Every structure is written in C-alpha cells, then in structure tokens.
C-alpha cells in the first residue's frame, strides 16, 4: 500500500475512534445510564421529526458506533424515555460523545428520535 493509502486508512481510523469516544472506559462503565436525577425538562416533549430523514442522520452520525454494537440499541435503549435519550445525545456520557446544536441541529435531533422510534421501537409507551 502506498503512503497515501496508509495516510487515508489512518485518517479514517482516527475519525472512527473520535466519533465513538475513543474508548477510555471499561465495559462496565457504560454510557447509557442517565438516571442521575438531572433535570430533563428541557428535553421533554413530543417527537416531531421525520423518520426517513432521521435514518440518514443516524447513518452519518450514529451507525459507525451503534451498528458495531457500542451499545446495541435494540438491547439498551428501550428503558430510557425520549427526554433521557435527547439529553444523552446532547450531553454525551462515557464513550458516547456529545452532539451539541453546532454538531446536530434541533431538527436533525428530532429526525433521529423519529428514526429510533420507527426502526427500534423506542418510546412506545
């Protein structure tokens, strides 16, 4: 492989590690528990997004980690409310990076929420 090929591969690897939080926590220190009693009122409300648009946002921002099983959303997300998921996306936790409004618009956040509801069955109650 050429030097350019190695540099491209290394760059993609680094982007992937940064997007997934780069590690630093052990298996038991997962980032999906947001039950610390924090005020979630800013994150409450109905899901107003478009699931089809959310699938694209998810593919571009989330799938690199979650489709690789970090954590598997089909197993871990169902116990969280929409407000807890919004807070987790905005604030990050553990290996999950934060996606502030400069990184993920409010509309794209709602689109991802609609995708999670449609694709994974979140927020059914």
N, C-alpha and C. Protein backbone atom coordinates (compact mmCIF):
# COMPACT_ATOMS: atom_id res chain seq x y z
N UNK A 1 0.84 -1.18 0.00
CA UNK A 1 0.00 0.00 0.00
C UNK A 1 0.88 1.24 0.00
N UNK A 2 0.48 2.25 -0.73
CA UNK A 2 1.27 3.48 -0.82
C UNK A 2 1.17 4.29 0.47
N UNK A 3 2.04 5.28 0.60
CA UNK A 3 1.99 6.17 1.77
C UNK A 3 0.65 6.89 1.82
N UNK A 4 0.13 7.28 0.67
CA UNK A 4 -1.15 7.96 0.63
C UNK A 4 -2.27 7.04 1.11
N UNK A 5 -2.21 5.78 0.71
CA UNK A 5 -3.20 4.79 1.16
C UNK A 5 -3.14 4.58 2.66
N UNK A 6 -1.92 4.51 3.21
CA UNK A 6 -1.76 4.36 4.66
C UNK A 6 -2.30 5.59 5.39
N UNK A 7 -2.02 6.77 4.86
CA UNK A 7 -2.49 8.00 5.49
C UNK A 7 -4.01 8.08 5.47
N UNK A 8 -4.61 7.68 4.36
CA UNK A 8 -6.08 7.68 4.26
C UNK A 8 -6.68 6.71 5.26
N UNK A 9 -6.13 5.50 5.33
CA UNK A 9 -6.62 4.50 6.26
C UNK A 9 -6.49 4.97 7.70
N UNK A 10 -5.34 5.55 8.05
CA UNK A 10 -5.11 6.04 9.40
C UNK A 10 -6.09 7.16 9.72
N UNK A 11 -6.32 8.06 8.78
CA UNK A 11 -7.27 9.16 8.99
C UNK A 11 -8.68 8.64 9.26
N UNK A 12 -9.11 7.65 8.49
CA UNK A 12 -10.44 7.07 8.70
C UNK A 12 -10.53 6.38 10.06
N UNK A 13 -9.48 5.70 10.44
CA UNK A 13 -9.45 5.05 11.74
C UNK A 13 -9.57 6.07 12.87
N UNK A 14 -8.82 7.16 12.77
CA UNK A 14 -8.87 8.19 13.81
C UNK A 14 -10.24 8.85 13.88
N UNK A 15 -10.85 9.14 12.74
CA UNK A 15 -12.19 9.71 12.73
C UNK A 15 -13.17 8.77 13.41
N UNK A 16 -13.06 7.49 13.11
CA UNK A 16 -13.93 6.49 13.74
C UNK A 16 -13.74 6.44 15.24
N UNK A 17 -12.51 6.48 15.70
CA UNK A 17 -12.25 6.45 17.14
C UNK A 17 -12.78 7.70 17.83
N UNK A 18 -12.59 8.84 17.22
CA UNK A 18 -13.10 10.08 17.80
C UNK A 18 -14.62 10.09 17.84
N UNK A 19 -15.25 9.61 16.78
CA UNK A 19 -16.71 9.58 16.74
C UNK A 19 -17.29 8.65 17.78
N UNK A 20 -16.56 7.60 18.13
CA UNK A 20 -17.04 6.64 19.13
C UNK A 20 -16.52 6.97 20.52
N UNK A 21 -15.92 8.09 20.70
CA UNK A 21 -15.46 8.49 22.01
C UNK A 21 -14.05 8.06 22.34
N UNK A 22 -13.43 7.27 21.48
CA UNK A 22 -12.03 6.91 21.67
C UNK A 22 -11.75 5.94 22.80
N UNK A 23 -12.75 5.37 23.41
CA UNK A 23 -12.52 4.41 24.50
C UNK A 23 -12.33 5.13 25.81
N UNK A 24 -11.49 4.57 26.67
CA UNK A 24 -11.20 5.20 27.95
C UNK A 24 -12.07 4.69 29.09
N UNK A 25 -13.12 3.94 28.80
CA UNK A 25 -13.95 3.39 29.85
C UNK A 25 -13.95 1.88 29.72
N UNK A 26 -14.14 1.22 30.83
CA UNK A 26 -14.23 -0.22 30.79
C UNK A 26 -15.63 -0.65 30.40
N UNK A 27 -15.81 -1.92 30.10
CA UNK A 27 -17.10 -2.45 29.69
C UNK A 27 -18.18 -2.08 30.68
N UNK A 28 -17.93 -2.19 31.98
CA UNK A 28 -18.94 -1.94 32.99
C UNK A 28 -19.28 -0.48 33.16
N UNK A 29 -18.52 0.44 32.60
CA UNK A 29 -18.76 1.86 32.81
C UNK A 29 -19.58 2.47 31.72
N UNK A 30 -20.51 1.73 31.15
CA UNK A 30 -21.31 2.16 30.00
C UNK A 30 -21.88 3.54 30.12
N UNK A 31 -22.27 4.10 29.01
CA UNK A 31 -22.74 5.46 28.98
C UNK A 31 -24.23 5.61 28.83
N UNK A 32 -25.00 4.53 28.94
CA UNK A 32 -26.41 4.68 28.68
C UNK A 32 -27.23 5.02 29.91
N UNK A 33 -26.67 5.03 31.09
CA UNK A 33 -27.43 5.35 32.29
C UNK A 33 -27.41 6.84 32.54
N UNK A 34 -28.57 7.47 32.35
CA UNK A 34 -28.68 8.90 32.62
C UNK A 34 -29.63 9.14 33.79
N UNK A 35 -29.77 8.16 34.67
CA UNK A 35 -30.73 8.25 35.76
C UNK A 35 -30.14 8.93 36.99
N UNK A 36 -29.32 9.93 36.79
CA UNK A 36 -28.68 10.61 37.90
C UNK A 36 -29.53 11.68 38.54
N UNK A 37 -30.81 11.72 38.25
CA UNK A 37 -31.69 12.69 38.86
C UNK A 37 -31.60 14.08 38.24
N UNK A 38 -30.96 14.21 37.09
CA UNK A 38 -30.81 15.51 36.45
C UNK A 38 -32.16 16.03 35.94
N UNK A 39 -32.26 17.33 35.81
CA UNK A 39 -33.48 17.97 35.31
C UNK A 39 -33.57 17.76 33.81
N UNK A 40 -34.58 17.01 33.39
CA UNK A 40 -34.75 16.70 31.97
C UNK A 40 -35.83 17.54 31.32
N UNK A 41 -36.35 18.54 32.02
CA UNK A 41 -37.48 19.32 31.49
C UNK A 41 -37.16 19.98 30.14
N UNK A 42 -35.91 20.35 29.92
CA UNK A 42 -35.54 20.97 28.65
C UNK A 42 -35.57 19.98 27.50
N UNK A 43 -35.63 18.68 27.81
CA UNK A 43 -35.57 17.65 26.78
C UNK A 43 -36.91 16.93 26.58
N UNK A 44 -37.92 17.34 27.31
CA UNK A 44 -39.23 16.70 27.22
C UNK A 44 -40.01 17.25 26.03
N UNK A 45 -41.00 16.49 25.61
CA UNK A 45 -41.88 16.92 24.53
C UNK A 45 -42.08 15.82 23.52
N UNK A 46 -43.05 16.03 22.64
CA UNK A 46 -43.34 15.02 21.63
C UNK A 46 -42.22 14.91 20.60
N UNK A 47 -42.13 13.77 19.97
CA UNK A 47 -41.16 13.55 18.89
C UNK A 47 -41.78 14.12 17.62
N UNK A 48 -41.12 15.08 17.02
CA UNK A 48 -41.69 15.81 15.89
C UNK A 48 -40.95 15.60 14.58
N UNK A 49 -39.97 14.73 14.57
CA UNK A 49 -39.12 14.59 13.39
C UNK A 49 -39.67 13.65 12.34
N UNK A 50 -38.89 13.52 11.29
CA UNK A 50 -39.20 12.66 10.15
C UNK A 50 -38.27 11.45 10.20
N UNK A 51 -38.85 10.25 10.31
CA UNK A 51 -38.05 9.03 10.46
C UNK A 51 -37.15 8.76 9.26
N UNK A 52 -37.61 9.08 8.06
CA UNK A 52 -36.79 8.84 6.86
C UNK A 52 -35.56 9.74 6.87
N UNK A 53 -35.75 11.01 7.19
CA UNK A 53 -34.61 11.92 7.30
C UNK A 53 -33.71 11.50 8.45
N UNK A 54 -34.31 11.01 9.53
CA UNK A 54 -33.55 10.55 10.68
C UNK A 54 -32.67 9.35 10.37
N UNK A 55 -33.12 8.49 9.45
CA UNK A 55 -32.30 7.34 9.06
C UNK A 55 -30.99 7.80 8.44
N UNK A 56 -31.03 8.86 7.66
CA UNK A 56 -29.82 9.41 7.04
C UNK A 56 -28.92 10.02 8.10
N UNK A 57 -29.50 10.78 9.02
CA UNK A 57 -28.71 11.39 10.09
C UNK A 57 -28.07 10.30 10.95
N UNK A 58 -28.85 9.28 11.27
CA UNK A 58 -28.34 8.15 12.05
C UNK A 58 -27.17 7.48 11.32
N UNK A 59 -27.34 7.23 10.04
CA UNK A 59 -26.29 6.57 9.25
C UNK A 59 -25.00 7.40 9.26
N UNK A 60 -25.13 8.73 9.21
CA UNK A 60 -23.96 9.60 9.14
C UNK A 60 -23.31 9.88 10.49
N UNK A 61 -24.07 9.77 11.58
CA UNK A 61 -23.54 10.18 12.88
C UNK A 61 -23.53 9.11 13.96
N UNK A 62 -24.33 8.08 13.81
CA UNK A 62 -24.53 7.13 14.91
C UNK A 62 -24.14 5.70 14.56
N UNK A 63 -24.41 5.30 13.33
CA UNK A 63 -24.25 3.90 12.94
C UNK A 63 -22.82 3.40 13.08
N UNK A 64 -21.84 4.26 12.89
CA UNK A 64 -20.45 3.83 12.99
C UNK A 64 -20.13 3.18 14.32
N UNK A 65 -20.77 3.62 15.38
CA UNK A 65 -20.57 3.01 16.70
C UNK A 65 -21.69 2.04 17.04
N UNK A 66 -22.93 2.49 16.91
CA UNK A 66 -24.05 1.69 17.40
C UNK A 66 -24.32 0.45 16.55
N UNK A 67 -24.11 0.51 15.27
CA UNK A 67 -24.31 -0.69 14.46
C UNK A 67 -23.17 -1.69 14.66
N UNK A 68 -22.07 -1.21 15.25
CA UNK A 68 -20.96 -2.10 15.59
C UNK A 68 -21.12 -2.66 17.01
N UNK A 69 -22.23 -2.28 17.67
CA UNK A 69 -22.54 -2.85 18.97
C UNK A 69 -22.08 -2.06 20.18
N UNK A 70 -21.94 -0.76 20.06
CA UNK A 70 -21.41 0.03 21.18
C UNK A 70 -22.35 1.14 21.62
N UNK A 71 -23.33 0.94 22.43
CA UNK A 71 -24.02 -0.31 22.71
C UNK A 71 -25.05 -0.63 21.64
N UNK A 72 -25.51 -1.84 21.66
CA UNK A 72 -26.54 -2.28 20.73
C UNK A 72 -27.85 -1.64 21.14
N UNK A 73 -28.38 -0.77 20.29
CA UNK A 73 -29.58 -0.02 20.65
C UNK A 73 -30.80 -0.90 20.81
N UNK A 74 -30.86 -2.00 20.10
CA UNK A 74 -32.01 -2.90 20.24
C UNK A 74 -32.07 -3.50 21.64
N UNK A 75 -30.94 -3.56 22.32
CA UNK A 75 -30.89 -4.15 23.66
C UNK A 75 -30.92 -3.11 24.77
N UNK A 76 -30.42 -1.90 24.54
CA UNK A 76 -30.20 -0.97 25.64
C UNK A 76 -31.08 0.28 25.67
N UNK A 77 -31.67 0.66 24.60
CA UNK A 77 -32.36 1.94 24.57
C UNK A 77 -33.79 1.95 25.04
N UNK A 78 -34.41 0.79 25.14
CA UNK A 78 -35.83 0.73 25.42
C UNK A 78 -36.22 1.16 26.82
N UNK A 79 -35.30 1.16 27.74
CA UNK A 79 -35.61 1.52 29.12
C UNK A 79 -35.51 3.02 29.36
N UNK A 80 -35.15 3.78 28.34
CA UNK A 80 -34.97 5.22 28.51
C UNK A 80 -36.13 5.99 27.88
N UNK A 81 -36.46 7.12 28.49
CA UNK A 81 -37.50 7.98 27.94
C UNK A 81 -36.94 8.81 26.79
N UNK A 82 -37.83 9.44 26.05
CA UNK A 82 -37.39 10.33 24.96
C UNK A 82 -36.53 11.46 25.53
N UNK A 83 -36.92 12.00 26.68
CA UNK A 83 -36.14 13.09 27.29
C UNK A 83 -34.74 12.60 27.67
N UNK A 84 -34.63 11.39 28.19
CA UNK A 84 -33.32 10.85 28.56
C UNK A 84 -32.45 10.63 27.33
N UNK A 85 -33.04 10.14 26.25
CA UNK A 85 -32.28 9.93 25.01
C UNK A 85 -31.83 11.27 24.44
N UNK A 86 -32.72 12.27 24.41
CA UNK A 86 -32.32 13.60 23.92
C UNK A 86 -31.16 14.15 24.75
N UNK A 87 -31.26 14.03 26.06
CA UNK A 87 -30.20 14.51 26.94
C UNK A 87 -28.89 13.77 26.68
N UNK A 88 -28.97 12.46 26.51
CA UNK A 88 -27.77 11.67 26.23
C UNK A 88 -27.12 12.09 24.92
N UNK A 89 -27.93 12.32 23.89
CA UNK A 89 -27.40 12.75 22.59
C UNK A 89 -26.74 14.12 22.72
N UNK A 90 -27.39 15.04 23.40
CA UNK A 90 -26.84 16.40 23.53
C UNK A 90 -25.63 16.47 24.44
N UNK A 91 -25.64 15.71 25.54
CA UNK A 91 -24.60 15.85 26.56
C UNK A 91 -23.54 14.76 26.54
N UNK A 92 -23.83 13.64 25.87
CA UNK A 92 -22.89 12.52 25.86
C UNK A 92 -22.79 11.90 27.24
N UNK A 93 -22.11 10.76 27.31
CA UNK A 93 -21.88 10.08 28.58
C UNK A 93 -20.94 8.91 28.32
N UNK A 94 -19.93 8.76 29.14
CA UNK A 94 -18.97 7.68 28.93
C UNK A 94 -18.32 7.78 27.57
N UNK A 95 -18.43 6.72 26.77
CA UNK A 95 -17.84 6.72 25.42
C UNK A 95 -18.70 7.43 24.40
N UNK A 96 -19.94 7.76 24.76
CA UNK A 96 -20.86 8.44 23.84
C UNK A 96 -20.50 9.92 23.79
N UNK A 97 -20.09 10.42 22.62
CA UNK A 97 -19.76 11.85 22.53
C UNK A 97 -21.02 12.70 22.55
N UNK A 98 -20.88 13.95 22.94
CA UNK A 98 -21.98 14.91 22.92
C UNK A 98 -22.17 15.44 21.50
N UNK A 99 -23.42 15.60 21.11
CA UNK A 99 -23.77 16.20 19.83
C UNK A 99 -24.56 17.48 20.12
N UNK A 100 -23.82 18.60 20.32
CA UNK A 100 -24.49 19.86 20.61
C UNK A 100 -25.14 20.42 19.34
N UNK A 101 -25.83 21.55 19.47
CA UNK A 101 -26.55 22.11 18.32
C UNK A 101 -25.62 22.53 17.19
N UNK A 102 -24.35 22.78 17.48
CA UNK A 102 -23.39 23.08 16.43
C UNK A 102 -23.02 21.86 15.61
N UNK A 103 -23.21 20.69 16.19
CA UNK A 103 -22.89 19.43 15.53
C UNK A 103 -24.13 18.77 14.94
N UNK A 104 -25.25 18.86 15.65
CA UNK A 104 -26.50 18.22 15.24
C UNK A 104 -27.63 19.20 15.52
N UNK A 105 -28.28 19.68 14.47
CA UNK A 105 -29.34 20.69 14.62
C UNK A 105 -30.51 20.12 15.41
N UNK A 106 -31.35 21.00 15.93
CA UNK A 106 -32.55 20.57 16.66
C UNK A 106 -33.44 19.73 15.75
N UNK A 107 -33.56 20.11 14.49
CA UNK A 107 -34.38 19.35 13.55
C UNK A 107 -33.80 17.96 13.32
N UNK A 108 -32.48 17.87 13.17
CA UNK A 108 -31.84 16.57 12.98
C UNK A 108 -31.95 15.70 14.23
N UNK A 109 -31.89 16.31 15.41
CA UNK A 109 -32.09 15.55 16.64
C UNK A 109 -33.48 14.92 16.64
N UNK A 110 -34.49 15.70 16.29
CA UNK A 110 -35.86 15.17 16.25
C UNK A 110 -36.02 14.12 15.16
N UNK A 111 -35.32 14.30 14.04
CA UNK A 111 -35.36 13.28 12.99
C UNK A 111 -34.77 11.96 13.48
N UNK A 112 -33.66 12.03 14.21
CA UNK A 112 -33.06 10.83 14.78
C UNK A 112 -34.01 10.19 15.79
N UNK A 113 -34.66 11.01 16.59
CA UNK A 113 -35.62 10.48 17.57
C UNK A 113 -36.74 9.72 16.85
N UNK A 114 -37.25 10.29 15.75
CA UNK A 114 -38.31 9.62 14.99
C UNK A 114 -37.79 8.31 14.38
N UNK A 115 -36.54 8.32 13.93
CA UNK A 115 -35.93 7.09 13.40
C UNK A 115 -35.81 6.03 14.49
N UNK A 116 -35.36 6.42 15.68
CA UNK A 116 -35.24 5.47 16.79
C UNK A 116 -36.60 4.86 17.13
N UNK A 117 -37.62 5.70 17.09
CA UNK A 117 -38.97 5.23 17.38
C UNK A 117 -39.45 4.26 16.29
N UNK A 118 -39.20 4.60 15.05
CA UNK A 118 -39.66 3.79 13.92
C UNK A 118 -38.85 2.51 13.76
N UNK A 119 -37.55 2.61 13.78
CA UNK A 119 -36.67 1.48 13.49
C UNK A 119 -36.47 0.54 14.68
N UNK A 120 -36.35 1.10 15.88
CA UNK A 120 -36.01 0.31 17.05
C UNK A 120 -37.16 0.15 18.03
N UNK A 121 -38.29 0.81 17.79
CA UNK A 121 -39.44 0.68 18.67
C UNK A 121 -39.31 1.42 19.98
N UNK A 122 -38.47 2.44 20.03
CA UNK A 122 -38.31 3.23 21.25
C UNK A 122 -39.58 4.04 21.52
N UNK A 123 -39.77 4.40 22.77
CA UNK A 123 -40.79 5.36 23.22
C UNK A 123 -42.21 4.90 22.90
N UNK A 124 -42.46 3.62 22.92
CA UNK A 124 -43.78 3.10 22.57
C UNK A 124 -44.82 3.37 23.65
N UNK A 125 -44.37 3.58 24.88
CA UNK A 125 -45.35 3.76 25.95
C UNK A 125 -45.85 5.16 26.09
